[in-house]
Amino acid sequence: MKILKITFILLVIVQFAILFSDIITETAYSDPALDGYIHFSQNAQAYSVNNWMYDMMAGDTWGVMPINPDHNSNFRSYLSFDLPEIPASYHVDSVYICVYQYLSGGYDASTGDYTDFPVWDLAGSDTIKCILSHIDYGDELDVDDWVKGDIGNQFTYQNNVGTVTESGDIGYRFIDVTASVTQDYEFNRDKSQYRIAFQVETDWDDWDDSVGFITANSAGEQYRPTIFIQFTDEINSVEEQEIPVTNKFMFNINPNPVKDRFNISFSRKELDIEKLEIFNIKGQKVYNFNYSELSSSNINLNCSTMPSGIYFLKVSLGNEVAVSKFLLIK
């Protein structure tokens, strides 16, 4: 590859691609009969299944038994979604699972402080995460499913699809499971199933370190575990233009997927933003933000009036252009 420097200006071809397409969004709740948790009791040295409660847990808990506190009993939770048929001529574009975290807590034995998120009394505890694993546990949740999701287990498709939560904040959590669901369709599976668990069962410190999520048995429909599947039938249209670029920049959209507001954080601190534009999946401009005199490294945008779907955010800074895709879920 040859690089030609002309008075510190690099001439590049910037491609801005918009997908002109039809889009179908399928939304489904987890199966109430198949989501829930498995509990291991240290006192009884036994496992039990609970798939009728309104909540599911991950982590370890002290004192869950009403009479005899069960030190360091621990939990793993499970989700199962029935997969709809893919419409003719369409394909899977993106898939997200949404769960609602309604509680979280922990105890830091080194400081004696209660915390809003689990603290594991172990070496390297800052690397222990609550993760989602892609698994197969069939048409019934039973105690044998405890190990499904572990590395090397024959029913584990992928041990770590992504992090479910890293915060004690109450609210929705979104996990990108596009690769997992695409695989399920490729192998003609009728379900997509997952396990929520920390990467350690317990730290045996006799303290509660756990998070809790709402299940499909909850009366509050909006809080139930949900899967959002975007199918598209798309044609790429690429606009090419030769643009002189002096300094490339990048930006991140957070959170993504978006509920109503999102932040844009840039790789450079001093930016003279000329234009922010949002396009829908059909290439139609739905928002146009003009900034005549704005220099910022972090911008907050409100898209609460926009319908759910896939969007593209285009940012223009003089001779520079960057584009990023985001998913808006209501």
Protein backbone atom coordinates (compact mmCIF):
# COMPACT_ATOMS: atom_id res chain seq x y z
CA MET A 1 0.00 0.00 0.00
CA LYS A 2 1.39 3.39 -0.99
CA ILE A 3 0.84 6.45 1.19
CA LEU A 4 1.25 9.89 -0.37
CA LYS A 5 1.70 12.88 1.96
CA ILE A 6 0.76 16.27 0.51
CA THR A 7 1.49 19.09 2.96
CA PHE A 8 0.08 17.01 5.80
CA ILE A 9 -3.29 16.52 4.04
CA LEU A 10 -4.33 12.94 3.32
CA LEU A 11 -6.75 12.45 0.45
CA VAL A 12 -9.12 9.57 1.13
CA ILE A 13 -12.33 8.16 -0.24
CA VAL A 14 -15.08 8.38 2.36
CA GLN A 15 -17.97 5.99 1.84
CA PHE A 16 -21.30 6.77 3.43
CA ALA A 17 -23.59 3.75 3.10
CA ILE A 18 -27.30 3.85 3.79
CA LEU A 19 -29.37 0.68 3.64
CA PHE A 20 -32.56 1.09 1.65
CA SER A 21 -34.74 -1.76 2.84
CA ASP A 22 -37.90 -3.13 4.28
CA ILE A 23 -37.61 -3.98 7.93
CA ILE A 24 -39.64 -6.29 10.14
CA THR A 25 -39.26 -6.28 13.90
CA GLU A 26 -40.38 -9.34 15.84
CA THR A 27 -40.76 -8.94 19.60
CA ALA A 28 -41.31 -11.85 21.98
CA TYR A 29 -41.26 -12.41 25.73
CA SER A 30 -39.36 -15.28 27.31
CA ASP A 31 -41.33 -18.46 27.97
CA PRO A 32 -42.80 -18.29 31.52
CA ALA A 33 -42.54 -22.07 31.86
CA LEU A 34 -38.88 -22.11 30.90
CA ASP A 35 -37.36 -19.02 32.49
CA GLY A 36 -36.43 -18.83 36.14
CA TYR A 37 -33.49 -19.88 38.29
CA ILE A 38 -31.71 -22.90 39.72
CA HIS A 39 -30.67 -22.59 43.36
CA PHE A 40 -27.88 -24.52 45.03
CA SER A 41 -28.24 -24.91 48.80
CA GLN A 42 -24.99 -25.32 50.68
CA ASN A 43 -26.80 -26.54 53.80
CA ALA A 44 -28.73 -29.23 51.98
CA GLN A 45 -26.08 -29.80 49.32
CA ALA A 46 -28.93 -29.95 46.81
CA TYR A 47 -30.27 -28.10 43.79
CA SER A 48 -33.79 -26.81 43.25
CA VAL A 49 -35.63 -25.21 40.32
CA ASN A 50 -37.89 -22.20 40.52
CA ASN A 51 -39.69 -21.15 37.34
CA TRP A 52 -42.88 -19.67 38.75
CA MET A 53 -41.59 -16.70 40.77
CA TYR A 54 -41.57 -13.15 39.43
CA ASP A 55 -37.81 -12.81 39.79
CA MET A 56 -34.61 -14.64 38.97
CA MET A 57 -31.24 -14.26 40.62
CA ALA A 58 -27.55 -14.54 39.85
CA GLY A 59 -24.80 -14.66 42.47
CA ASP A 60 -24.67 -15.90 46.04
CA THR A 61 -27.06 -15.10 48.87
CA TRP A 62 -26.93 -15.36 52.65
CA GLY A 63 -30.03 -16.13 54.68
CA VAL A 64 -32.49 -17.13 51.96
CA MET A 65 -34.05 -19.83 54.13
CA PRO A 66 -36.79 -18.50 56.45
CA ILE A 67 -35.69 -20.50 59.51
CA ASN A 68 -32.09 -21.64 59.02
CA PRO A 69 -29.98 -19.14 57.10
CA ASP A 70 -28.36 -20.89 54.17
CA HIS A 71 -24.84 -19.48 53.97
CA ASN A 72 -23.55 -18.98 50.43
CA SER A 73 -26.38 -20.60 48.58
CA ASN A 74 -26.07 -19.50 44.98
CA PHE A 75 -28.13 -18.94 41.88
CA ARG A 76 -28.02 -19.17 38.10
CA SER A 77 -30.87 -17.93 35.92
CA TYR A 78 -32.24 -19.10 32.58
CA LEU A 79 -34.07 -17.59 29.60
CA SER A 80 -35.81 -19.29 26.70
CA PHE A 81 -37.34 -17.58 23.64
CA ASP A 82 -39.42 -19.19 20.89
CA LEU A 83 -38.03 -18.13 17.51
CA PRO A 84 -40.40 -16.86 14.80
CA GLU A 85 -39.99 -17.96 11.20
CA ILE A 86 -37.80 -15.78 9.01
CA PRO A 87 -39.98 -14.06 6.38
CA ALA A 88 -39.29 -15.04 2.77
CA SER A 89 -36.41 -13.07 1.17
CA TYR A 90 -35.43 -11.59 4.57
CA HIS A 91 -32.48 -12.29 6.84
CA VAL A 92 -31.53 -11.62 10.45
CA ASP A 93 -30.03 -8.16 10.80
CA SER A 94 -29.72 -7.70 14.57
CA VAL A 95 -31.04 -9.28 17.75
CA TYR A 96 -31.07 -7.94 21.30
CA ILE A 97 -32.25 -9.40 24.57
CA CYS A 98 -33.64 -6.96 27.12
CA VAL A 99 -33.91 -7.82 30.83
CA TYR A 100 -34.94 -5.58 33.70
CA GLN A 101 -32.60 -5.47 36.71
CA TYR A 102 -34.66 -4.65 39.77
CA LEU A 103 -32.17 -5.26 42.58
CA SER A 104 -28.46 -5.49 43.20
CA GLY A 105 -26.23 -5.59 46.24
CA GLY A 106 -23.02 -6.79 47.77
CA TYR A 107 -20.61 -6.53 50.66
CA ASP A 108 -16.96 -5.53 50.61
CA ALA A 109 -15.27 -7.62 53.27
CA SER A 110 -12.06 -5.59 52.99
CA THR A 111 -13.78 -2.34 54.01
CA GLY A 112 -16.86 -3.61 55.85
CA ASP A 113 -19.11 -1.59 53.53
CA TYR A 114 -22.33 -2.63 51.84
CA THR A 115 -22.26 -1.91 48.12
CA ASP A 116 -24.81 -1.51 45.33
CA PHE A 117 -23.16 -4.26 43.25
CA PRO A 118 -21.62 -7.66 44.10
CA VAL A 119 -18.07 -7.60 45.45
CA TRP A 120 -16.22 -10.88 45.25
CA ASP A 121 -13.70 -11.52 48.01
CA LEU A 122 -11.28 -13.13 45.57
CA ALA A 123 -8.06 -12.26 43.78
CA GLY A 124 -8.78 -10.53 40.49
CA SER A 125 -12.38 -9.90 41.51
CA ASP A 126 -12.65 -6.88 39.22
CA THR A 127 -12.60 -9.24 36.23
CA ILE A 128 -15.53 -11.35 37.47
CA LYS A 129 -18.60 -10.40 35.46
CA CYS A 130 -22.26 -11.36 35.26
CA ILE A 131 -22.43 -12.88 31.79
CA LEU A 132 -24.90 -14.39 29.35
CA SER A 133 -24.13 -17.81 27.90
CA HIS A 134 -25.81 -19.36 24.87
CA ILE A 135 -27.00 -22.87 25.77
CA ASP A 136 -29.51 -25.63 25.07
CA TYR A 137 -31.69 -26.83 27.94
CA GLY A 138 -34.58 -28.10 25.87
CA ASP A 139 -38.26 -28.10 26.83
CA GLU A 140 -37.86 -28.23 30.61
CA LEU A 141 -35.73 -26.47 33.21
CA ASP A 142 -34.28 -28.99 35.68
CA VAL A 143 -31.34 -29.32 38.06
CA ASP A 144 -29.12 -30.90 35.41
CA ASP A 145 -29.16 -27.58 33.60
CA TRP A 146 -26.95 -26.02 36.30
CA VAL A 147 -23.77 -26.90 34.37
CA LYS A 148 -25.12 -25.97 30.94
CA GLY A 149 -23.23 -22.83 30.08
CA ASP A 150 -19.96 -23.96 31.63
CA ILE A 151 -16.94 -24.12 29.34
CA GLY A 152 -16.60 -27.59 27.83
CA ASN A 153 -20.17 -28.68 28.53
CA GLN A 154 -21.77 -30.34 25.50
CA PHE A 155 -24.87 -28.15 25.80
CA THR A 156 -22.89 -24.90 25.85
CA TYR A 157 -22.89 -23.18 22.47
CA GLN A 158 -20.93 -20.17 23.75
CA ASN A 159 -19.86 -19.61 27.34
CA ASN A 160 -19.80 -15.82 27.18
CA VAL A 161 -22.08 -14.05 24.72
CA GLY A 162 -21.72 -10.76 26.56
CA THR A 163 -21.94 -8.96 29.89
CA VAL A 164 -25.46 -8.74 31.33
CA THR A 165 -24.72 -6.10 33.97
CA GLU A 166 -21.80 -4.23 35.50
CA SER A 167 -23.77 -1.75 37.58
CA GLY A 168 -26.08 -1.64 40.57
CA ASP A 169 -28.36 0.82 38.75
CA ILE A 170 -31.96 -0.33 38.48
CA GLY A 171 -33.20 -0.52 34.90
CA TYR A 172 -33.06 -2.26 31.55
CA ARG A 173 -30.06 -4.18 30.29
CA PHE A 174 -29.52 -4.94 26.59
CA ILE A 175 -27.32 -7.73 25.25
CA ASP A 176 -26.48 -8.20 21.57
CA VAL A 177 -27.22 -11.85 20.70
CA THR A 178 -27.24 -11.50 16.91
CA ALA A 179 -24.56 -14.17 16.38
CA SER A 180 -26.30 -16.61 18.73
CA VAL A 181 -29.74 -16.28 17.14
CA THR A 182 -28.26 -16.42 13.63
CA GLN A 183 -26.63 -19.71 14.61
CA ASP A 184 -29.93 -21.00 16.02
CA TYR A 185 -31.63 -20.34 12.71
CA GLU A 186 -28.80 -21.93 10.74
CA PHE A 187 -29.21 -25.15 12.76
CA ASN A 188 -33.03 -25.03 12.56
CA ARG A 189 -33.54 -24.62 16.30
CA ASP A 190 -36.99 -23.50 17.39
CA LYS A 191 -35.70 -21.84 20.57
CA SER A 192 -32.88 -19.55 21.61
CA GLN A 193 -31.82 -20.27 25.21
CA TYR A 194 -29.44 -18.61 27.65
CA ARG A 195 -28.00 -18.72 31.16
CA ILE A 196 -27.28 -15.68 33.33
CA ALA A 197 -24.53 -16.30 35.88
CA PHE A 198 -21.48 -14.76 37.45
CA GLN A 199 -18.13 -16.20 36.45
CA VAL A 200 -17.75 -17.52 39.98
CA GLU A 201 -20.36 -19.46 41.96
CA THR A 202 -19.54 -17.90 45.33
CA ASP A 203 -16.62 -16.51 47.29
CA TRP A 204 -17.70 -18.25 50.54
CA ASP A 205 -17.46 -15.07 52.59
CA ASP A 206 -20.95 -15.45 54.16
CA TRP A 207 -22.24 -12.27 52.54
CA ASP A 208 -24.86 -11.51 49.92
CA ASP A 209 -23.48 -10.68 46.46
CA SER A 210 -26.23 -10.90 43.87
CA VAL A 211 -28.35 -9.24 41.22
CA GLY A 212 -32.00 -9.86 40.40
CA PHE A 213 -34.07 -9.63 37.22
CA ILE A 214 -37.81 -9.71 36.48
CA THR A 215 -39.14 -12.89 34.82
CA ALA A 216 -41.93 -13.47 32.31
CA ASN A 217 -44.20 -14.40 35.24
CA SER A 218 -44.28 -10.77 36.33
CA ALA A 219 -47.57 -8.90 36.08
CA GLY A 220 -45.67 -5.86 34.77
CA GLU A 221 -45.54 -6.70 31.08
CA GLN A 222 -43.02 -3.99 30.16
CA TYR A 223 -40.42 -5.49 32.52
CA ARG A 224 -40.48 -9.06 31.20
CA PRO A 225 -37.40 -10.48 29.45
CA THR A 226 -37.83 -9.61 25.78
CA ILE A 227 -36.08 -10.48 22.56
CA PHE A 228 -36.07 -8.01 19.65
CA ILE A 229 -35.32 -9.54 16.25
CA GLN A 230 -34.79 -7.27 13.25
CA PHE A 231 -35.26 -8.88 9.82
CA THR A 232 -34.26 -6.89 6.74
CA ASP A 233 -34.51 -7.19 2.97
CA GLU A 234 -31.92 -4.67 1.96
CA ILE A 235 -30.13 -3.11 -0.98
CA ASN A 236 -26.92 -1.21 -0.37
CA SER A 237 -26.59 2.24 -1.87
CA VAL A 238 -23.15 3.80 -1.46
CA GLU A 239 -22.40 7.46 -1.99
CA GLU A 240 -18.71 8.04 -2.67
CA GLN A 241 -16.93 11.33 -2.53
CA GLU A 242 -13.30 12.36 -2.38
CA ILE A 243 -12.74 14.40 0.76
CA PRO A 244 -9.51 15.87 2.11
CA VAL A 245 -9.06 14.77 5.71
CA THR A 246 -6.50 16.27 8.05
CA ASN A 247 -7.33 14.29 11.19
CA LYS A 248 -9.63 11.30 11.39
CA PHE A 249 -12.06 11.11 14.30
CA MET A 250 -14.31 8.48 15.81
CA PHE A 251 -17.35 8.56 18.07
CA ASN A 252 -19.30 6.17 20.29
CA ILE A 253 -23.04 6.03 20.92
CA ASN A 254 -23.92 5.10 24.49
CA PRO A 255 -26.11 3.31 25.34
CA ASN A 256 -26.68 1.27 22.21
CA PRO A 257 -29.44 0.03 21.92
CA VAL A 258 -31.10 3.34 22.78
CA LYS A 259 -34.26 3.79 24.86
CA ASP A 260 -34.93 7.53 24.39
CA ARG A 261 -31.69 9.48 24.93
CA PHE A 262 -28.08 8.74 24.11
CA ASN A 263 -24.66 10.31 24.48
CA ILE A 264 -22.14 10.79 21.71
CA SER A 265 -18.56 10.74 22.92
CA PHE A 266 -15.77 11.66 20.53
CA SER A 267 -12.18 10.54 20.23
CA ARG A 268 -10.99 14.16 20.18
CA LYS A 269 -11.83 16.83 22.73
CA GLU A 270 -11.94 19.96 20.55
CA LEU A 271 -14.42 19.52 17.72
CA ASP A 272 -16.12 22.08 15.49
CA ILE A 273 -19.25 20.12 14.70
CA GLU A 274 -21.12 21.42 11.68
CA LYS A 275 -23.89 18.89 11.36
CA LEU A 276 -25.47 15.86 13.03
CA GLU A 277 -27.93 13.86 10.93
CA ILE A 278 -29.97 10.73 11.67
CA PHE A 279 -31.21 8.49 8.86
CA ASN A 280 -33.64 5.58 9.13
CA ILE A 281 -33.12 2.16 7.56
CA LYS A 282 -34.72 3.37 4.30
CA GLY A 283 -32.21 6.19 3.93
CA GLN A 284 -34.67 8.92 4.90
CA LYS A 285 -33.32 11.77 7.00
CA VAL A 286 -35.38 11.89 10.20
CA TYR A 287 -33.34 14.39 12.24
CA ASN A 288 -30.99 17.16 11.31
CA PHE A 289 -29.08 18.88 14.12
CA ASN A 290 -27.15 21.99 13.09
CA TYR A 291 -24.35 23.31 15.27
CA SER A 292 -22.89 26.60 14.09
CA GLU A 293 -20.54 27.20 16.98
CA LEU A 294 -20.22 24.08 19.06
CA SER A 295 -17.06 22.47 20.37
CA SER A 296 -17.72 19.45 22.54
CA SER A 297 -16.39 15.99 23.27
CA ASN A 298 -19.72 14.72 24.62
CA ILE A 299 -23.23 15.45 23.29
CA ASN A 300 -26.59 14.24 24.61
CA LEU A 301 -29.41 13.75 22.09
CA ASN A 302 -33.12 13.06 22.63
CA CYS A 303 -34.83 10.71 20.16
CA SER A 304 -37.90 9.87 22.27
CA THR A 305 -40.27 10.86 19.45
CA MET A 306 -38.71 8.44 16.95
CA PRO A 307 -40.18 4.94 16.46
CA SER A 308 -38.23 1.77 17.23
CA GLY A 309 -35.83 0.63 14.54
CA ILE A 310 -32.31 0.77 13.13
CA TYR A 311 -30.83 4.22 12.49
CA PHE A 312 -27.60 5.74 11.23
CA LEU A 313 -26.00 8.80 12.82
CA LYS A 314 -23.83 10.88 10.50
CA VAL A 315 -21.51 13.49 12.02
CA SER A 316 -19.84 16.13 9.86
CA LEU A 317 -16.85 18.16 11.04
CA GLY A 318 -15.68 20.33 8.19
CA ASN A 319 -13.90 17.97 5.81
CA GLU A 320 -14.46 14.99 8.04
CA VAL A 321 -17.42 12.58 8.12
CA ALA A 322 -18.13 9.59 10.37
CA VAL A 323 -21.16 7.28 10.49
CA SER A 324 -22.38 4.81 13.12
CA LYS A 325 -25.41 2.54 13.40
CA PHE A 326 -27.66 2.31 16.46
CA LEU A 327 -30.82 0.46 17.47
CA LEU A 328 -33.71 2.35 19.06
CA ILE A 329 -36.01 0.23 21.24
CA LYS A 330 -39.12 1.61 22.94
